[in-house]
Amino acid sequence: MVMVLLAFWIALFFAWQSLSAIDFAYPYLYNFLDIGAVIQNFAPLNVYKSGFEQTDQAQHSVLFSQIVTAINQGGEGLAQIVYYDAQGQVINTLLRRPEIIHLQDVANLLDWLRVSEYYAMGLLVGMLVFFKWRGIPFQSLSKTLLGVGGVIFLVAILVMAYGAEAIFYQLHVLVFPENNQWFFYYQESLMTTLMKAPDIFAAIAVLLLALALVYFGLMLWFFHYFLSAKIANRKRE
């Protein structure tokens, strides 16, 4: 069971890294969630920044990519993200101080999670080597998948019972520093407008989970093959 939990945790890390590399498919989510309409509706209403409605989809994708890059690099460059008018002149910086602080909190959390992933990988490799050395087979693949399916079903019931948005907000309360703002209205945050938060996070969560399950399934198959091969070789001997 420990190996299975470690494998899923690592699969989530692989999924995050893979989706980060393609900016979480933002150009596709942009059209799917109709983010362009949100920007046109709310950017003119922003009480702190102006002119964002002059930007186009291509620039929105670049801005989102810059945010993703920054939070994956310890928050470096967040304050330098700017947006331009049609003539290429800088209009303003994208992020306000509270938004930068929040994204820095996200970057710090990702740094911590990344370190935990490296420890998890080391522990998992150590367990695989030990199991192979001792000739311990991996648990039944069908039973493992059945157990994982049961856990996913229970999580789905929990989400439906309490609501995805309520759980999302509660996680923010638990994870981020108490005095740092993490909720932003469209009228005060171009970041929130650019992302159509929290809708985009729900879509990203689905993509993250789906890809993580692919990686997870491949890892379970490898565990079964790797450890079963040891037993088969011993029997032939």
C-alpha atoms as a PDB file:
ATOM      1  CA  MET A   1       0.000   0.000   0.000  1.00  0.00           C
ATOM      2  CA  VAL A   2       2.884   2.375   0.763  1.00  0.00           C
ATOM      3  CA  MET A   3       4.295   1.758  -2.706  1.00  0.00           C
ATOM      4  CA  VAL A   4       0.922   2.505  -4.261  1.00  0.00           C
ATOM      5  CA  LEU A   5       0.570   5.789  -2.364  1.00  0.00           C
ATOM      6  CA  LEU A   6       4.103   6.827  -3.255  1.00  0.00           C
ATOM      7  CA  ALA A   7       3.471   5.938  -6.890  1.00  0.00           C
ATOM      8  CA  PHE A   8       0.341   8.079  -7.036  1.00  0.00           C
ATOM      9  CA  TRP A   9       2.102  11.014  -5.391  1.00  0.00           C
ATOM     10  CA  ILE A  10       4.941  10.755  -7.905  1.00  0.00           C
ATOM     11  CA  ALA A  11       2.452  10.352 -10.770  1.00  0.00           C
ATOM     12  CA  LEU A  12       0.861  13.654  -9.749  1.00  0.00           C
ATOM     13  CA  PHE A  13       4.299  15.267  -9.856  1.00  0.00           C
ATOM     14  CA  PHE A  14       4.969  13.880 -13.344  1.00  0.00           C
ATOM     15  CA  ALA A  15       1.554  15.119 -14.473  1.00  0.00           C
ATOM     16  CA  TRP A  16       2.215  18.596 -13.060  1.00  0.00           C
ATOM     17  CA  GLN A  17       5.588  18.793 -14.792  1.00  0.00           C
ATOM     18  CA  SER A  18       4.126  17.600 -18.093  1.00  0.00           C
ATOM     19  CA  LEU A  19       1.190  20.011 -18.027  1.00  0.00           C
ATOM     20  CA  SER A  20       3.411  22.890 -16.894  1.00  0.00           C
ATOM     21  CA  ALA A  21       5.533  22.325 -19.995  1.00  0.00           C
ATOM     22  CA  ILE A  22       2.492  23.082 -22.166  1.00  0.00           C
ATOM     23  CA  ASP A  23       1.073  25.800 -19.881  1.00  0.00           C
ATOM     24  CA  PHE A  24      -1.771  23.502 -18.808  1.00  0.00           C
ATOM     25  CA  ALA A  25      -3.258  23.689 -22.313  1.00  0.00           C
ATOM     26  CA  TYR A  26      -4.270  27.303 -21.669  1.00  0.00           C
ATOM     27  CA  PRO A  27      -5.022  28.161 -25.331  1.00  0.00           C
ATOM     28  CA  TYR A  28      -7.555  25.313 -25.430  1.00  0.00           C
ATOM     29  CA  LEU A  29      -9.038  26.150 -22.039  1.00  0.00           C
ATOM     30  CA  TYR A  30      -9.188  29.793 -23.150  1.00  0.00           C
ATOM     31  CA  ASN A  31     -11.678  28.900 -25.872  1.00  0.00           C
ATOM     32  CA  PHE A  32     -13.441  26.182 -23.891  1.00  0.00           C
ATOM     33  CA  LEU A  33     -14.108  28.514 -20.926  1.00  0.00           C
ATOM     34  CA  ASP A  34     -14.679  31.585 -23.116  1.00  0.00           C
ATOM     35  CA  ILE A  35     -12.029  33.518 -21.186  1.00  0.00           C
ATOM     36  CA  GLY A  36     -11.864  36.159 -23.909  1.00  0.00           C
ATOM     37  CA  ALA A  37     -15.424  37.239 -23.107  1.00  0.00           C
ATOM     38  CA  VAL A  38     -14.619  37.412 -19.391  1.00  0.00           C
ATOM     39  CA  ILE A  39     -11.657  39.688 -20.106  1.00  0.00           C
ATOM     40  CA  GLN A  40     -13.713  41.985 -22.336  1.00  0.00           C
ATOM     41  CA  ASN A  41     -16.465  42.184 -19.710  1.00  0.00           C
ATOM     42  CA  PHE A  42     -14.401  42.668 -16.564  1.00  0.00           C
ATOM     43  CA  ALA A  43     -11.085  44.247 -17.605  1.00  0.00           C
ATOM     44  CA  PRO A  44     -12.727  47.688 -18.151  1.00  0.00           C
ATOM     45  CA  LEU A  45     -14.202  47.406 -14.634  1.00  0.00           C
ATOM     46  CA  ASN A  46     -10.866  46.832 -12.917  1.00  0.00           C
ATOM     47  CA  VAL A  47     -10.357  49.470 -10.230  1.00  0.00           C
ATOM     48  CA  TYR A  48      -6.540  49.215 -10.150  1.00  0.00           C
ATOM     49  CA  LYS A  49      -5.376  48.502 -13.713  1.00  0.00           C
ATOM     50  CA  SER A  50      -6.592  49.827 -17.062  1.00  0.00           C
ATOM     51  CA  GLY A  51      -6.265  48.951 -20.727  1.00  0.00           C
ATOM     52  CA  PHE A  52      -6.173  45.188 -20.375  1.00  0.00           C
ATOM     53  CA  GLU A  53      -9.145  44.859 -22.703  1.00  0.00           C
ATOM     54  CA  GLN A  54      -6.831  46.105 -25.487  1.00  0.00           C
ATOM     55  CA  THR A  55      -4.790  42.894 -25.317  1.00  0.00           C
ATOM     56  CA  ASP A  56      -5.502  39.865 -27.493  1.00  0.00           C
ATOM     57  CA  GLN A  57      -5.590  36.098 -27.037  1.00  0.00           C
ATOM     58  CA  ALA A  58      -1.978  35.611 -28.103  1.00  0.00           C
ATOM     59  CA  GLN A  59      -0.804  38.006 -25.406  1.00  0.00           C
ATOM     60  CA  HIS A  60      -3.064  36.376 -22.828  1.00  0.00           C
ATOM     61  CA  SER A  61      -1.408  33.019 -23.532  1.00  0.00           C
ATOM     62  CA  VAL A  62       2.036  34.582 -23.111  1.00  0.00           C
ATOM     63  CA  LEU A  63       1.051  36.198 -19.812  1.00  0.00           C
ATOM     64  CA  PHE A  64      -0.336  32.945 -18.455  1.00  0.00           C
ATOM     65  CA  SER A  65       2.829  31.153 -19.547  1.00  0.00           C
ATOM     66  CA  GLN A  66       4.952  33.734 -17.728  1.00  0.00           C
ATOM     67  CA  ILE A  67       2.998  33.145 -14.522  1.00  0.00           C
ATOM     68  CA  VAL A  68       3.395  29.363 -14.823  1.00  0.00           C
ATOM     69  CA  THR A  69       7.126  29.741 -15.446  1.00  0.00           C
ATOM     70  CA  ALA A  70       7.517  32.081 -12.471  1.00  0.00           C
ATOM     71  CA  ILE A  71       5.742  29.884  -9.925  1.00  0.00           C
ATOM     72  CA  ASN A  72       7.796  26.906 -11.074  1.00  0.00           C
ATOM     73  CA  GLN A  73      10.989  28.948 -10.569  1.00  0.00           C
ATOM     74  CA  GLY A  74      10.460  30.086  -7.008  1.00  0.00           C
ATOM     75  CA  GLY A  75       8.399  33.154  -7.937  1.00  0.00           C
ATOM     76  CA  GLU A  76      11.197  34.804  -9.899  1.00  0.00           C
ATOM     77  CA  GLY A  77       9.958  37.425 -12.363  1.00  0.00           C
ATOM     78  CA  LEU A  78       6.388  37.856 -11.108  1.00  0.00           C
ATOM     79  CA  ALA A  79       6.741  41.593 -10.561  1.00  0.00           C
ATOM     80  CA  GLN A  80       8.177  42.091 -14.060  1.00  0.00           C
ATOM     81  CA  ILE A  81       5.222  40.670 -16.009  1.00  0.00           C
ATOM     82  CA  VAL A  82       3.722  43.455 -18.120  1.00  0.00           C
ATOM     83  CA  TYR A  83       1.042  43.796 -20.789  1.00  0.00           C
ATOM     84  CA  TYR A  84       1.143  45.840 -23.994  1.00  0.00           C
ATOM     85  CA  ASP A  85      -1.190  47.759 -26.254  1.00  0.00           C
ATOM     86  CA  ALA A  86      -1.651  47.033 -29.963  1.00  0.00           C
ATOM     87  CA  GLN A  87       1.395  49.190 -30.801  1.00  0.00           C
ATOM     88  CA  GLY A  88       3.647  47.201 -28.465  1.00  0.00           C
ATOM     89  CA  GLN A  89       3.849  49.912 -25.806  1.00  0.00           C
ATOM     90  CA  VAL A  90       3.814  48.799 -22.182  1.00  0.00           C
ATOM     91  CA  ILE A  91       0.518  49.649 -20.513  1.00  0.00           C
ATOM     92  CA  ASN A  92       1.167  48.403 -16.987  1.00  0.00           C
ATOM     93  CA  THR A  93       2.399  45.525 -14.875  1.00  0.00           C
ATOM     94  CA  LEU A  94      -0.084  42.662 -14.726  1.00  0.00           C
ATOM     95  CA  LEU A  95       0.053  41.864 -11.030  1.00  0.00           C
ATOM     96  CA  ARG A  96      -0.606  43.922  -7.934  1.00  0.00           C
ATOM     97  CA  ARG A  97       1.374  43.432  -4.725  1.00  0.00           C
ATOM     98  CA  PRO A  98      -1.245  41.144  -3.056  1.00  0.00           C
ATOM     99  CA  GLU A  99      -1.329  38.955  -6.168  1.00  0.00           C
ATOM    100  CA  ILE A 100       2.460  38.711  -6.245  1.00  0.00           C
ATOM    101  CA  ILE A 101       2.475  37.702  -2.578  1.00  0.00           C
ATOM    102  CA  HIS A 102      -0.137  35.027  -3.246  1.00  0.00           C
ATOM    103  CA  LEU A 103       1.702  33.638  -6.271  1.00  0.00           C
ATOM    104  CA  GLN A 104       4.916  33.653  -4.228  1.00  0.00           C
ATOM    105  CA  ASP A 105       3.078  31.556  -1.630  1.00  0.00           C
ATOM    106  CA  VAL A 106       2.098  29.180  -4.448  1.00  0.00           C
ATOM    107  CA  ALA A 107       5.720  29.047  -5.635  1.00  0.00           C
ATOM    108  CA  ASN A 108       6.933  28.312  -2.095  1.00  0.00           C
ATOM    109  CA  LEU A 109       4.376  25.536  -1.767  1.00  0.00           C
ATOM    110  CA  LEU A 110       5.480  24.035  -5.077  1.00  0.00           C
ATOM    111  CA  ASP A 111       9.123  24.155  -3.957  1.00  0.00           C
ATOM    112  CA  TRP A 112       8.222  22.271  -0.783  1.00  0.00           C
ATOM    113  CA  LEU A 113       6.147  19.713  -2.692  1.00  0.00           C
ATOM    114  CA  ARG A 114       8.969  19.247  -5.203  1.00  0.00           C
ATOM    115  CA  VAL A 115      11.401  18.368  -2.402  1.00  0.00           C
ATOM    116  CA  SER A 116       8.888  15.918  -0.947  1.00  0.00           C
ATOM    117  CA  GLU A 117       8.581  14.308  -4.386  1.00  0.00           C
ATOM    118  CA  TYR A 118      12.337  13.712  -4.543  1.00  0.00           C
ATOM    119  CA  TYR A 119      12.239  11.999  -1.154  1.00  0.00           C
ATOM    120  CA  ALA A 120       9.259   9.950  -2.321  1.00  0.00           C
ATOM    121  CA  MET A 121      11.145   8.876  -5.451  1.00  0.00           C
ATOM    122  CA  GLY A 122      14.169   7.841  -3.398  1.00  0.00           C
ATOM    123  CA  LEU A 123      12.019   5.863  -0.983  1.00  0.00           C
ATOM    124  CA  LEU A 124      10.123   4.177  -3.808  1.00  0.00           C
ATOM    125  CA  VAL A 125      13.300   3.151  -5.622  1.00  0.00           C
ATOM    126  CA  GLY A 126      14.689   1.825  -2.359  1.00  0.00           C
ATOM    127  CA  MET A 127      11.558  -0.248  -1.760  1.00  0.00           C
ATOM    128  CA  LEU A 128      11.663  -1.652  -5.302  1.00  0.00           C
ATOM    129  CA  VAL A 129      15.300  -2.677  -4.907  1.00  0.00           C
ATOM    130  CA  PHE A 130      14.580  -4.259  -1.526  1.00  0.00           C
ATOM    131  CA  PHE A 131      11.521  -6.147  -2.782  1.00  0.00           C
ATOM    132  CA  LYS A 132      13.395  -7.459  -5.784  1.00  0.00           C
ATOM    133  CA  TRP A 133      16.361  -8.511  -3.663  1.00  0.00           C
ATOM    134  CA  ARG A 134      14.064 -10.379  -1.259  1.00  0.00           C
ATOM    135  CA  GLY A 135      11.950 -11.822  -4.073  1.00  0.00           C
ATOM    136  CA  ILE A 136       8.751 -10.198  -2.813  1.00  0.00           C
ATOM    137  CA  PRO A 137       6.151  -9.953  -5.601  1.00  0.00           C
ATOM    138  CA  PHE A 138       4.016  -6.894  -6.155  1.00  0.00           C
ATOM    139  CA  GLN A 139       0.474  -7.189  -4.865  1.00  0.00           C
ATOM    140  CA  SER A 140      -2.236  -8.274  -7.264  1.00  0.00           C
ATOM    141  CA  LEU A 141      -2.597  -5.673  -9.998  1.00  0.00           C
ATOM    142  CA  SER A 142      -6.348  -6.195 -10.255  1.00  0.00           C
ATOM    143  CA  LYS A 143      -6.813  -5.764  -6.499  1.00  0.00           C
ATOM    144  CA  THR A 144      -4.670  -2.641  -6.563  1.00  0.00           C
ATOM    145  CA  LEU A 145      -6.706  -1.090  -9.351  1.00  0.00           C
ATOM    146  CA  LEU A 146      -9.922  -2.055  -7.571  1.00  0.00           C
ATOM    147  CA  GLY A 147      -8.705  -0.364  -4.401  1.00  0.00           C
ATOM    148  CA  VAL A 148      -7.666   2.763  -6.287  1.00  0.00           C
ATOM    149  CA  GLY A 149     -11.039   2.853  -8.016  1.00  0.00           C
ATOM    150  CA  GLY A 150     -12.723   2.642  -4.626  1.00  0.00           C
ATOM    151  CA  VAL A 151     -10.701   5.559  -3.291  1.00  0.00           C
ATOM    152  CA  ILE A 152     -11.501   7.679  -6.358  1.00  0.00           C
ATOM    153  CA  PHE A 153     -15.195   6.833  -5.929  1.00  0.00           C
ATOM    154  CA  LEU A 154     -15.120   7.928  -2.266  1.00  0.00           C
ATOM    155  CA  VAL A 155     -13.351  11.172  -3.184  1.00  0.00           C
ATOM    156  CA  ALA A 156     -15.952  11.828  -5.879  1.00  0.00           C
ATOM    157  CA  ILE A 157     -18.734  11.309  -3.319  1.00  0.00           C
ATOM    158  CA  LEU A 158     -16.985  13.716  -0.937  1.00  0.00           C
ATOM    159  CA  VAL A 159     -16.654  16.368  -3.646  1.00  0.00           C
ATOM    160  CA  MET A 160     -20.312  16.031  -4.615  1.00  0.00           C
ATOM    161  CA  ALA A 161     -21.410  16.166  -0.974  1.00  0.00           C
ATOM    162  CA  TYR A 162     -19.457  19.271   0.023  1.00  0.00           C
ATOM    163  CA  GLY A 163     -19.029  20.938  -3.372  1.00  0.00           C
ATOM    164  CA  ALA A 164     -15.819  21.351  -5.338  1.00  0.00           C
ATOM    165  CA  GLU A 165     -15.742  25.125  -4.805  1.00  0.00           C
ATOM    166  CA  ALA A 166     -16.179  24.834  -1.027  1.00  0.00           C
ATOM    167  CA  ILE A 167     -13.374  22.263  -0.812  1.00  0.00           C
ATOM    168  CA  PHE A 168     -11.172  24.428  -3.055  1.00  0.00           C
ATOM    169  CA  TYR A 169     -11.631  27.452  -0.789  1.00  0.00           C
ATOM    170  CA  GLN A 170     -11.108  25.430   2.398  1.00  0.00           C
ATOM    171  CA  LEU A 171      -7.844  24.049   1.065  1.00  0.00           C
ATOM    172  CA  HIS A 172      -6.667  27.623   0.453  1.00  0.00           C
ATOM    173  CA  VAL A 173      -7.521  28.523   4.054  1.00  0.00           C
ATOM    174  CA  LEU A 174      -5.555  25.545   5.355  1.00  0.00           C
ATOM    175  CA  VAL A 175      -2.528  25.817   3.058  1.00  0.00           C
ATOM    176  CA  PHE A 176      -1.764  29.517   2.666  1.00  0.00           C
ATOM    177  CA  PRO A 177      -0.645  32.032   5.351  1.00  0.00           C
ATOM    178  CA  GLU A 178      -3.575  33.479   7.251  1.00  0.00           C
ATOM    179  CA  ASN A 179      -2.862  37.154   6.563  1.00  0.00           C
ATOM    180  CA  ASN A 180      -2.083  36.793   2.849  1.00  0.00           C
ATOM    181  CA  GLN A 181      -4.941  37.441   0.432  1.00  0.00           C
ATOM    182  CA  TRP A 182      -5.755  34.550  -1.886  1.00  0.00           C
ATOM    183  CA  PHE A 183      -9.280  35.400  -3.048  1.00  0.00           C
ATOM    184  CA  PHE A 184      -9.548  38.145  -5.680  1.00  0.00           C
ATOM    185  CA  TYR A 185     -12.627  39.527  -7.416  1.00  0.00           C
ATOM    186  CA  TYR A 186     -12.504  40.084 -11.166  1.00  0.00           C
ATOM    187  CA  GLN A 187     -12.853  43.823 -10.652  1.00  0.00           C
ATOM    188  CA  GLU A 188      -9.643  43.977  -8.602  1.00  0.00           C
ATOM    189  CA  SER A 189      -7.431  41.372 -10.246  1.00  0.00           C
ATOM    190  CA  LEU A 190      -6.284  40.977 -13.837  1.00  0.00           C
ATOM    191  CA  MET A 191      -4.778  37.643 -12.784  1.00  0.00           C
ATOM    192  CA  THR A 192      -8.205  36.311 -11.810  1.00  0.00           C
ATOM    193  CA  THR A 193      -9.707  37.704 -15.005  1.00  0.00           C
ATOM    194  CA  LEU A 194      -6.948  36.206 -17.154  1.00  0.00           C
ATOM    195  CA  MET A 195      -7.605  32.790 -15.636  1.00  0.00           C
ATOM    196  CA  LYS A 196     -11.369  32.988 -15.178  1.00  0.00           C
ATOM    197  CA  ALA A 197     -10.729  31.675 -11.692  1.00  0.00           C
ATOM    198  CA  PRO A 198     -11.838  29.399 -10.192  1.00  0.00           C
ATOM    199  CA  ASP A 199     -13.266  27.748 -13.320  1.00  0.00           C
ATOM    200  CA  ILE A 200      -9.855  27.213 -14.881  1.00  0.00           C
ATOM    201  CA  PHE A 201      -8.606  25.446 -11.753  1.00  0.00           C
ATOM    202  CA  ALA A 202     -11.406  22.911 -11.993  1.00  0.00           C
ATOM    203  CA  ALA A 203     -10.468  22.199 -15.615  1.00  0.00           C
ATOM    204  CA  ILE A 204      -6.767  21.953 -14.732  1.00  0.00           C
ATOM    205  CA  ALA A 205      -7.590  19.590 -11.855  1.00  0.00           C
ATOM    206  CA  VAL A 206      -9.388  17.266 -14.271  1.00  0.00           C
ATOM    207  CA  LEU A 207      -6.440  17.320 -16.690  1.00  0.00           C
ATOM    208  CA  LEU A 208      -3.987  16.787 -13.831  1.00  0.00           C
ATOM    209  CA  LEU A 209      -5.885  13.837 -12.425  1.00  0.00           C
ATOM    210  CA  ALA A 210      -6.426  12.226 -15.833  1.00  0.00           C
ATOM    211  CA  LEU A 211      -2.744  12.431 -16.775  1.00  0.00           C
ATOM    212  CA  ALA A 212      -1.666  11.353 -13.285  1.00  0.00           C
ATOM    213  CA  LEU A 213      -3.799   8.223 -13.622  1.00  0.00           C
ATOM    214  CA  VAL A 214      -2.049   7.414 -16.895  1.00  0.00           C
ATOM    215  CA  TYR A 215       1.372   7.727 -15.271  1.00  0.00           C
ATOM    216  CA  PHE A 216       0.105   5.841 -12.225  1.00  0.00           C
ATOM    217  CA  GLY A 217      -1.157   2.942 -14.337  1.00  0.00           C
ATOM    218  CA  LEU A 218       2.177   2.718 -16.163  1.00  0.00           C
ATOM    219  CA  MET A 219       4.052   2.685 -12.874  1.00  0.00           C
ATOM    220  CA  LEU A 220       1.862  -0.080 -11.444  1.00  0.00           C
ATOM    221  CA  TRP A 221       2.410  -2.143 -14.597  1.00  0.00           C
ATOM    222  CA  PHE A 222       6.159  -1.646 -14.263  1.00  0.00           C
ATOM    223  CA  PHE A 223       6.119  -2.660 -10.585  1.00  0.00           C
ATOM    224  CA  HIS A 224       4.208  -5.824 -11.444  1.00  0.00           C
ATOM    225  CA  TYR A 225       6.516  -6.694 -14.345  1.00  0.00           C
ATOM    226  CA  PHE A 226       9.745  -5.806 -12.515  1.00  0.00           C
ATOM    227  CA  LEU A 227       8.989  -7.728  -9.346  1.00  0.00           C
ATOM    228  CA  SER A 228       7.252 -10.682 -11.025  1.00  0.00           C
ATOM    229  CA  ALA A 229      10.252 -11.208 -13.303  1.00  0.00           C
ATOM    230  CA  LYS A 230      12.383 -11.848 -10.243  1.00  0.00           C
ATOM    231  CA  ILE A 231      10.059 -14.575  -9.020  1.00  0.00           C
ATOM    232  CA  ALA A 232       9.900 -16.228 -12.449  1.00  0.00           C
ATOM    233  CA  ASN A 233      13.712 -16.298 -12.725  1.00  0.00           C
ATOM    234  CA  ARG A 234      14.021 -17.898  -9.318  1.00  0.00           C
ATOM    235  CA  LYS A 235      11.506 -20.593 -10.211  1.00  0.00           C
ATOM    236  CA  ARG A 236      13.435 -21.490 -13.368  1.00  0.00           C
ATOM    237  CA  GLU A 237      16.570 -21.812 -11.296  1.00  0.00           C
END
